[in-house]
Amino acid sequence: MSVKDGPVSNVSDTARWVAVYRAVESARGDAVFDDPYADRLAGDRGRQIVASVPRTLRSGWWMVARTKTIDDLIMDAVAAGCDRVINLAAGLDTRPYRLESPAEFTWVEGDLPGLVAEKEQLLAAETPRCRLTRYPVDLADPAARDRFLDTALADAHKALVLTEGLLMYLEPADVADLSAALVRPEIAWWVLDLAGPGLKKWMNDKTGGLLRNAPFKFAPAEGIRYFEQLGWRTGEVESVIVVASRLRRLPWPLRLVARLPQPDPRRPPEGRPWSAVIRLTRRHPED
């Protein structure tokens, strides 16, 4: 695969990029998660991207924190009765293979046909720990997305929807449309990662054209209040830099930043990068 005008040629390339960081973390003696498939999935393309990114991003501390946080939120939901994960734009995620979910648990992935085919090939010899189904679908097509959700949620009672590494690449109107599509009685939780305006500006303008072909678009000035105004209730808000500090993955200069009072997630800063992993539930009309 050739590089076109930048290290990341499209949004799908970001899946290969972050898989490298999962592989690096898994190789550590004190790893906070184990992904034995990540290096295979990242491939030469993923390693090429990491070699091209600015030094400030190369350690992948933010990806380690995001991955670990989402792992924990999912397993917490499973313990609370979640019977299904619907992973939208699943990319090269391997949680169905590495998380200790019950064998009867259902996991459904949806992503672009090319990426689904690549993943199927690379993991053909592996056995997931739960019941896993993948669907090729263009989630940018609202009708195709809704048909996918109809199928994915069949017989579900308490599902969790995961949109890891997705929303920042969508237009705000598309995020609002997705939010409306997820208002279904079968969906109990929505887990997402949210970028603030400062991170959007930094990633788009200060990384040497890294995301020229896949720029950040969604980073609402009102932070989590954006979703609350759409009828969601905020549960956990885990600042990525705070989690990375707790996991001892932060480079030294950023450890001092993590000790500072953290921004209000309803008013994320415009002047410095901020991101968080959020777990939402639907707000009842009487609330």
Protein backbone atom coordinates (compact mmCIF):
# COMPACT_ATOMS: atom_id res chain seq x y z
CA MET A 1 0.00 0.00 0.00
CA SER A 2 1.47 3.32 -1.01
CA VAL A 3 1.49 6.48 1.04
CA LYS A 4 -0.52 9.25 -0.58
CA ASP A 5 0.38 12.76 0.53
CA GLY A 6 0.99 11.72 4.12
CA PRO A 7 1.69 8.77 6.42
CA VAL A 8 -2.05 8.03 6.89
CA SER A 9 -3.71 7.62 3.49
CA ASN A 10 -7.27 7.10 4.81
CA VAL A 11 -9.21 6.47 8.01
CA SER A 12 -8.73 2.69 7.69
CA ASP A 13 -4.97 3.25 8.00
CA THR A 14 -5.51 4.50 11.55
CA ALA A 15 -6.55 0.95 12.53
CA ARG A 16 -3.13 -0.33 11.44
CA TRP A 17 -1.41 2.56 13.20
CA VAL A 18 -3.00 1.93 16.58
CA ALA A 19 -2.50 -1.84 16.28
CA VAL A 20 1.25 -1.17 16.46
CA TYR A 21 0.82 0.45 19.85
CA ARG A 22 -1.21 -2.50 21.11
CA ALA A 23 1.60 -4.80 19.97
CA VAL A 24 4.25 -2.70 21.71
CA GLU A 25 2.29 -2.64 24.96
CA SER A 26 1.64 -6.38 24.81
CA ALA A 27 5.37 -7.05 24.55
CA ARG A 28 6.11 -5.26 27.84
CA GLY A 29 6.77 -7.24 30.97
CA ASP A 30 4.26 -5.07 32.83
CA ALA A 31 1.67 -4.91 30.02
CA VAL A 32 -1.80 -3.76 31.09
CA PHE A 33 -3.41 -5.87 28.35
CA ASP A 34 -2.29 -8.68 26.08
CA ASP A 35 -3.05 -8.55 22.36
CA PRO A 36 -1.07 -11.35 20.69
CA TYR A 37 -2.65 -10.57 17.31
CA ALA A 38 -1.82 -6.87 17.12
CA ASP A 39 1.56 -7.11 15.42
CA ARG A 40 0.14 -9.36 12.69
CA LEU A 41 -2.75 -6.98 12.09
CA ALA A 42 -0.58 -3.87 12.08
CA GLY A 43 1.71 -5.26 9.40
CA ASP A 44 4.42 -3.36 7.61
CA ARG A 45 1.99 -0.55 6.81
CA GLY A 46 1.23 0.10 10.46
CA ARG A 47 4.91 0.08 11.39
CA GLN A 48 5.65 2.44 8.51
CA ILE A 49 3.07 4.90 9.81
CA VAL A 50 4.46 4.82 13.36
CA ALA A 51 7.96 5.44 12.03
CA SER A 52 6.62 8.57 10.31
CA VAL A 53 4.62 10.12 13.16
CA PRO A 54 5.95 12.98 15.28
CA ARG A 55 8.08 11.89 18.22
CA THR A 56 5.46 13.21 20.65
CA LEU A 57 3.02 10.54 19.41
CA ARG A 58 5.42 7.66 18.94
CA SER A 59 5.15 6.11 22.41
CA GLY A 60 1.41 5.52 22.00
CA TRP A 61 0.62 6.25 25.67
CA TRP A 62 -2.80 7.63 24.69
CA MET A 63 -3.69 4.42 22.85
CA VAL A 64 -2.68 2.23 25.78
CA ALA A 65 -4.88 4.30 28.10
CA ARG A 66 -7.82 4.31 25.70
CA THR A 67 -7.63 0.57 25.07
CA LYS A 68 -7.37 -0.36 28.74
CA THR A 69 -10.21 1.96 29.73
CA ILE A 70 -12.56 0.56 27.10
CA ASP A 71 -11.60 -3.00 28.05
CA ASP A 72 -12.58 -2.29 31.65
CA LEU A 73 -15.83 -0.52 30.76
CA ILE A 74 -16.92 -3.40 28.56
CA MET A 75 -16.17 -6.04 31.18
CA ASP A 76 -17.95 -3.94 33.79
CA ALA A 77 -21.01 -3.83 31.52
CA VAL A 78 -20.84 -7.60 30.99
CA ALA A 79 -20.88 -8.05 34.77
CA ALA A 80 -23.94 -5.75 34.85
CA GLY A 81 -25.88 -7.92 32.42
CA CYS A 82 -24.74 -6.74 29.00
CA ASP A 83 -25.55 -9.50 26.52
CA ARG A 84 -24.04 -8.06 23.35
CA VAL A 85 -21.40 -5.65 22.06
CA ILE A 86 -22.04 -3.91 18.75
CA ASN A 87 -18.70 -2.54 17.53
CA LEU A 88 -19.22 0.11 14.84
CA ALA A 89 -16.18 0.72 12.62
CA ALA A 90 -14.47 -2.13 14.46
CA GLY A 91 -11.27 -1.79 12.46
CA LEU A 92 -8.61 -4.24 13.62
CA ASP A 93 -9.92 -4.54 17.18
CA THR A 94 -9.34 -7.98 18.74
CA ARG A 95 -11.36 -7.82 21.95
CA PRO A 96 -13.55 -10.84 21.05
CA TYR A 97 -10.35 -12.90 21.01
CA ARG A 98 -8.61 -11.54 24.08
CA LEU A 99 -11.20 -10.42 26.65
CA GLU A 100 -12.47 -12.96 29.18
CA SER A 101 -16.08 -12.78 28.03
CA PRO A 102 -18.50 -15.68 28.50
CA ALA A 103 -18.51 -18.22 25.67
CA GLU A 104 -22.20 -17.55 25.01
CA PHE A 105 -21.68 -13.78 24.82
CA THR A 106 -22.48 -12.19 21.44
CA TRP A 107 -20.12 -9.77 19.70
CA VAL A 108 -21.02 -8.10 16.40
CA GLU A 109 -18.64 -6.03 14.27
CA GLY A 110 -19.37 -3.79 11.32
CA ASP A 111 -16.90 -2.06 9.05
CA LEU A 112 -16.02 -1.39 5.43
CA PRO A 113 -15.90 -4.51 3.25
CA GLY A 114 -12.19 -4.22 2.47
CA LEU A 115 -11.15 -3.99 6.10
CA VAL A 116 -13.49 -6.80 7.14
CA ALA A 117 -12.03 -9.07 4.44
CA GLU A 118 -8.47 -8.22 5.48
CA LYS A 119 -9.24 -8.97 9.11
CA GLU A 120 -11.01 -12.22 8.28
CA GLN A 121 -7.95 -13.38 6.38
CA LEU A 122 -5.42 -12.40 9.04
CA LEU A 123 -7.41 -14.03 11.88
CA ALA A 124 -8.75 -17.03 9.95
CA ALA A 125 -6.82 -19.52 12.11
CA GLU A 126 -7.84 -17.93 15.43
CA THR A 127 -10.85 -18.76 17.60
CA PRO A 128 -12.74 -15.97 19.40
CA ARG A 129 -13.69 -16.46 23.06
CA CYS A 130 -17.34 -15.62 22.35
CA ARG A 131 -19.87 -15.75 19.51
CA LEU A 132 -18.49 -13.33 16.93
CA THR A 133 -20.11 -12.14 13.71
CA ARG A 134 -18.70 -9.60 11.26
CA TYR A 135 -20.66 -7.67 8.66
CA PRO A 136 -19.27 -5.65 5.75
CA VAL A 137 -21.17 -2.37 5.82
CA ASP A 138 -20.64 1.25 4.88
CA LEU A 139 -21.70 2.96 8.10
CA ALA A 140 -21.68 6.32 6.32
CA ASP A 141 -24.81 5.14 4.48
CA PRO A 142 -27.66 5.72 6.98
CA ALA A 143 -29.93 3.10 5.41
CA ALA A 144 -27.16 0.47 5.39
CA ARG A 145 -26.24 1.37 8.97
CA ASP A 146 -29.82 1.02 10.16
CA ARG A 147 -30.21 -2.35 8.44
CA PHE A 148 -26.99 -3.47 10.11
CA LEU A 149 -28.28 -2.37 13.52
CA ASP A 150 -31.56 -4.19 12.94
CA THR A 151 -29.65 -7.40 12.28
CA ALA A 152 -26.99 -6.89 14.94
CA LEU A 153 -29.54 -6.23 17.69
CA ALA A 154 -31.89 -9.10 16.87
CA ASP A 155 -32.74 -10.92 20.13
CA ALA A 156 -30.56 -8.51 22.17
CA HIS A 157 -31.85 -7.27 25.53
CA LYS A 158 -29.05 -5.15 26.98
CA ALA A 159 -26.49 -4.20 24.35
CA LEU A 160 -23.44 -1.96 24.46
CA VAL A 161 -22.47 0.00 21.35
CA LEU A 162 -18.78 0.80 20.92
CA THR A 163 -17.51 3.55 18.59
CA GLU A 164 -13.80 3.60 19.36
CA GLY A 165 -11.72 5.85 17.10
CA LEU A 166 -14.72 6.80 14.95
CA LEU A 167 -16.51 9.97 16.00
CA MET A 168 -13.57 12.34 15.54
CA TYR A 169 -13.57 11.58 11.80
CA LEU A 170 -17.30 12.33 11.37
CA GLU A 171 -19.05 15.61 10.64
CA PRO A 172 -21.13 16.87 13.61
CA ALA A 173 -24.36 16.28 11.67
CA ASP A 174 -23.35 12.65 11.14
CA VAL A 175 -22.69 12.20 14.87
CA ALA A 176 -26.14 13.58 15.66
CA ASP A 177 -27.67 11.22 13.11
CA LEU A 178 -25.80 8.27 14.62
CA SER A 179 -26.97 9.26 18.09
CA ALA A 180 -30.57 9.21 16.90
CA ALA A 181 -30.03 5.80 15.30
CA LEU A 182 -28.83 4.40 18.62
CA VAL A 183 -32.02 5.34 20.47
CA ARG A 184 -33.31 1.79 20.65
CA PRO A 185 -34.66 -0.10 23.65
CA GLU A 186 -32.08 -2.87 23.19
CA ILE A 187 -29.16 -0.44 23.64
CA ALA A 188 -28.23 0.21 27.27
CA TRP A 189 -24.78 1.78 26.86
CA TRP A 190 -22.77 3.73 24.33
CA VAL A 191 -18.98 3.78 24.85
CA LEU A 192 -17.04 6.34 22.83
CA ASP A 193 -13.86 8.36 22.87
CA LEU A 194 -14.25 12.12 22.63
CA ALA A 195 -11.70 14.68 21.47
CA GLY A 196 -11.73 18.28 22.62
CA PRO A 197 -11.22 21.29 20.32
CA GLY A 198 -7.61 21.65 21.42
CA LEU A 199 -6.78 18.08 20.42
CA LYS A 200 -8.53 18.51 17.08
CA LYS A 201 -6.45 21.58 16.31
CA TRP A 202 -3.22 19.94 17.45
CA MET A 203 -3.76 16.73 15.46
CA ASN A 204 -4.78 18.57 12.30
CA ASP A 205 -2.27 21.43 12.41
CA LYS A 206 0.72 20.39 14.54
CA THR A 207 1.59 16.86 13.42
CA GLY A 208 3.28 17.54 10.11
CA GLY A 209 0.34 16.52 7.94
CA LEU A 210 -0.08 13.15 9.64
CA LEU A 211 -3.87 13.24 9.25
CA ARG A 212 -4.03 15.22 6.01
CA ASN A 213 -6.18 12.47 4.47
CA ALA A 214 -8.15 11.71 7.62
CA PRO A 215 -8.57 14.97 9.56
CA PHE A 216 -10.34 15.30 12.87
CA LYS A 217 -13.77 16.87 12.34
CA PHE A 218 -15.83 16.27 15.47
CA ALA A 219 -14.63 17.89 18.69
CA PRO A 220 -17.58 19.79 20.21
CA ALA A 221 -16.86 22.87 22.25
CA GLU A 222 -19.53 21.72 24.73
CA GLY A 223 -17.83 18.35 25.25
CA ILE A 224 -20.07 15.71 26.82
CA ARG A 225 -22.92 18.21 27.03
CA TYR A 226 -23.29 17.66 23.28
CA PHE A 227 -24.59 14.16 24.00
CA GLU A 228 -26.57 15.17 27.07
CA GLN A 229 -28.50 17.62 24.90
CA LEU A 230 -29.36 14.67 22.63
CA GLY A 231 -30.90 12.77 25.53
CA TRP A 232 -27.96 10.75 26.84
CA ARG A 233 -26.93 10.48 30.47
CA THR A 234 -23.23 10.64 31.24
CA GLY A 235 -21.80 7.79 33.27
CA GLU A 236 -18.03 7.40 33.41
CA VAL A 237 -15.71 10.08 32.00
CA GLU A 238 -12.12 8.85 31.98
CA SER A 239 -9.52 11.45 30.98
CA VAL A 240 -6.99 9.69 28.75
CA ILE A 241 -4.01 11.56 30.18
CA VAL A 242 -5.07 10.78 33.77
CA VAL A 243 -5.47 7.09 32.96
CA ALA A 244 -2.10 7.03 31.20
CA SER A 245 -0.51 8.60 34.27
CA ARG A 246 -2.13 6.03 36.54
CA LEU A 247 -0.82 3.26 34.28
CA ARG A 248 2.68 4.80 34.33
CA ARG A 249 2.77 5.26 30.56
CA LEU A 250 3.16 9.03 30.31
CA PRO A 251 6.41 10.59 29.05
CA TRP A 252 8.03 12.66 31.77
CA PRO A 253 6.94 16.20 30.68
CA LEU A 254 3.29 15.15 30.54
CA ARG A 255 3.29 13.69 34.04
CA LEU A 256 3.22 17.23 35.38
CA VAL A 257 0.24 18.10 33.15
CA ALA A 258 -1.65 15.05 34.44
CA ARG A 259 -1.25 16.32 38.00
CA LEU A 260 -2.97 19.61 37.21
CA PRO A 261 -6.70 20.08 37.81
CA GLN A 262 -8.47 18.45 34.89
CA PRO A 263 -10.72 20.44 32.53
CA ASP A 264 -14.48 20.41 32.87
CA PRO A 265 -15.58 17.76 30.32
CA ARG A 266 -18.51 20.03 29.46
CA ARG A 267 -16.04 22.77 28.52
CA PRO A 268 -12.97 21.03 27.07
CA PRO A 269 -10.02 23.34 26.48
CA GLU A 270 -9.33 25.00 23.17
CA GLY A 271 -5.74 25.76 24.06
CA ARG A 272 -4.42 22.28 24.83
CA PRO A 273 -5.15 18.70 23.81
CA TRP A 274 -7.78 16.83 25.82
CA SER A 275 -9.61 13.57 25.24
CA ALA A 276 -11.61 11.12 27.28
CA VAL A 277 -13.39 7.80 27.11
CA ILE A 278 -17.08 8.16 27.92
CA ARG A 279 -19.80 5.68 28.79
CA LEU A 280 -23.32 6.95 28.15
CA THR A 281 -26.76 5.59 28.97
CA ARG A 282 -30.13 6.79 27.73
CA ARG A 283 -31.86 9.38 29.89
CA HIS A 284 -35.43 8.48 30.78
CA PRO A 285 -38.13 11.06 29.97
CA GLU A 286 -38.90 11.57 33.66
CA ASP A 287 -35.27 12.49 34.50
